[in-house]
């Protein structure tokens, strides 16, 4: 039983370390960090993403210069 628990903890630790983060550069020079890949809603023209604090954020497509994987 202990062995299974240790293996599960190890797997969870490895998965947490492999999370992909994104850097968003705005046209005004600001840089934001996203915990997930920003998704563009073509109907509204807004990107939706979760920031490092776990908050859902909306960002106008016209304000974004570049989104890159970090």
C-alpha atoms as a PDB file:
ATOM      1  CA  UNK A   1       0.000   0.000   0.000  1.00  0.00           C
ATOM      2  CA  UNK A   2       2.824   2.420   0.843  1.00  0.00           C
ATOM      3  CA  UNK A   3       4.515   1.683  -2.459  1.00  0.00           C
ATOM      4  CA  UNK A   4       1.400   2.629  -4.455  1.00  0.00           C
ATOM      5  CA  UNK A   5       1.048   5.853  -2.462  1.00  0.00           C
ATOM      6  CA  UNK A   6       4.686   6.803  -3.105  1.00  0.00           C
ATOM      7  CA  UNK A   7       4.360   6.062  -6.828  1.00  0.00           C
ATOM      8  CA  UNK A   8       1.196   8.192  -7.061  1.00  0.00           C
ATOM      9  CA  UNK A   9       2.864  11.096  -5.278  1.00  0.00           C
ATOM     10  CA  UNK A  10       5.860  10.876  -7.584  1.00  0.00           C
ATOM     11  CA  UNK A  11       3.626  10.883 -10.670  1.00  0.00           C
ATOM     12  CA  UNK A  12       1.706  13.919  -9.408  1.00  0.00           C
ATOM     13  CA  UNK A  13       4.932  15.791  -8.709  1.00  0.00           C
ATOM     14  CA  UNK A  14       6.205  15.067 -12.225  1.00  0.00           C
ATOM     15  CA  UNK A  15       2.955  16.194 -13.825  1.00  0.00           C
ATOM     16  CA  UNK A  16       2.896  19.430 -11.822  1.00  0.00           C
ATOM     17  CA  UNK A  17       6.415  20.236 -12.966  1.00  0.00           C
ATOM     18  CA  UNK A  18       5.478  19.820 -16.615  1.00  0.00           C
ATOM     19  CA  UNK A  19       2.740  22.450 -16.645  1.00  0.00           C
ATOM     20  CA  UNK A  20       3.048  24.869 -19.550  1.00  0.00           C
ATOM     21  CA  UNK A  21       2.847  28.591 -18.883  1.00  0.00           C
ATOM     22  CA  UNK A  22       2.429  31.386 -21.394  1.00  0.00           C
ATOM     23  CA  UNK A  23       3.765  34.927 -21.590  1.00  0.00           C
ATOM     24  CA  UNK A  24       1.497  37.563 -23.122  1.00  0.00           C
ATOM     25  CA  UNK A  25       3.077  40.727 -24.480  1.00  0.00           C
ATOM     26  CA  UNK A  26       0.796  43.703 -24.945  1.00  0.00           C
ATOM     27  CA  UNK A  27       1.168  46.520 -27.458  1.00  0.00           C
ATOM     28  CA  UNK A  28       1.747  49.005 -24.632  1.00  0.00           C
ATOM     29  CA  UNK A  29       4.826  47.058 -23.461  1.00  0.00           C
ATOM     30  CA  UNK A  30       3.272  45.240 -20.490  1.00  0.00           C
ATOM     31  CA  UNK A  31       3.954  41.540 -20.029  1.00  0.00           C
ATOM     32  CA  UNK A  32       1.448  39.181 -18.415  1.00  0.00           C
ATOM     33  CA  UNK A  33       1.797  35.549 -17.398  1.00  0.00           C
ATOM     34  CA  UNK A  34      -0.880  32.931 -17.985  1.00  0.00           C
ATOM     35  CA  UNK A  35      -1.196  29.548 -16.298  1.00  0.00           C
ATOM     36  CA  UNK A  36      -2.954  28.108 -19.356  1.00  0.00           C
ATOM     37  CA  UNK A  37      -3.037  28.807 -23.082  1.00  0.00           C
ATOM     38  CA  UNK A  38      -5.134  31.904 -23.813  1.00  0.00           C
ATOM     39  CA  UNK A  39      -8.153  31.031 -25.957  1.00  0.00           C
ATOM     40  CA  UNK A  40      -9.557  33.575 -28.401  1.00  0.00           C
ATOM     41  CA  UNK A  41     -13.331  33.837 -28.780  1.00  0.00           C
ATOM     42  CA  UNK A  42     -13.742  35.092 -32.369  1.00  0.00           C
ATOM     43  CA  UNK A  43     -17.296  36.286 -31.667  1.00  0.00           C
ATOM     44  CA  UNK A  44     -16.275  38.672 -28.870  1.00  0.00           C
ATOM     45  CA  UNK A  45     -12.661  39.381 -29.837  1.00  0.00           C
ATOM     46  CA  UNK A  46     -11.420  38.602 -26.319  1.00  0.00           C
ATOM     47  CA  UNK A  47      -8.817  36.147 -25.070  1.00  0.00           C
ATOM     48  CA  UNK A  48      -9.721  34.153 -21.958  1.00  0.00           C
ATOM     49  CA  UNK A  49      -7.036  32.720 -19.686  1.00  0.00           C
ATOM     50  CA  UNK A  50      -6.200  31.981 -16.059  1.00  0.00           C
ATOM     51  CA  UNK A  51      -3.460  34.114 -14.505  1.00  0.00           C
ATOM     52  CA  UNK A  52      -0.837  32.913 -12.007  1.00  0.00           C
ATOM     53  CA  UNK A  53      -3.163  33.701  -9.087  1.00  0.00           C
ATOM     54  CA  UNK A  54      -5.871  31.438 -10.500  1.00  0.00           C
ATOM     55  CA  UNK A  55      -8.125  34.295 -11.627  1.00  0.00           C
ATOM     56  CA  UNK A  56      -9.983  34.172 -14.943  1.00  0.00           C
ATOM     57  CA  UNK A  57      -8.960  37.101 -17.155  1.00  0.00           C
ATOM     58  CA  UNK A  58     -10.432  38.606 -20.329  1.00  0.00           C
ATOM     59  CA  UNK A  59      -8.092  40.487 -22.645  1.00  0.00           C
ATOM     60  CA  UNK A  60      -8.954  42.342 -25.877  1.00  0.00           C
ATOM     61  CA  UNK A  61      -7.386  40.778 -28.966  1.00  0.00           C
ATOM     62  CA  UNK A  62      -6.479  44.274 -30.253  1.00  0.00           C
ATOM     63  CA  UNK A  63      -4.271  44.851 -27.166  1.00  0.00           C
ATOM     64  CA  UNK A  64      -2.182  41.681 -27.658  1.00  0.00           C
ATOM     65  CA  UNK A  65       1.090  41.826 -29.553  1.00  0.00           C
ATOM     66  CA  UNK A  66       2.413  38.306 -28.931  1.00  0.00           C
ATOM     67  CA  UNK A  67       1.641  35.136 -26.973  1.00  0.00           C
ATOM     68  CA  UNK A  68       4.488  32.707 -26.448  1.00  0.00           C
ATOM     69  CA  UNK A  69       4.947  29.469 -24.563  1.00  0.00           C
ATOM     70  CA  UNK A  70       7.279  29.775 -21.605  1.00  0.00           C
END
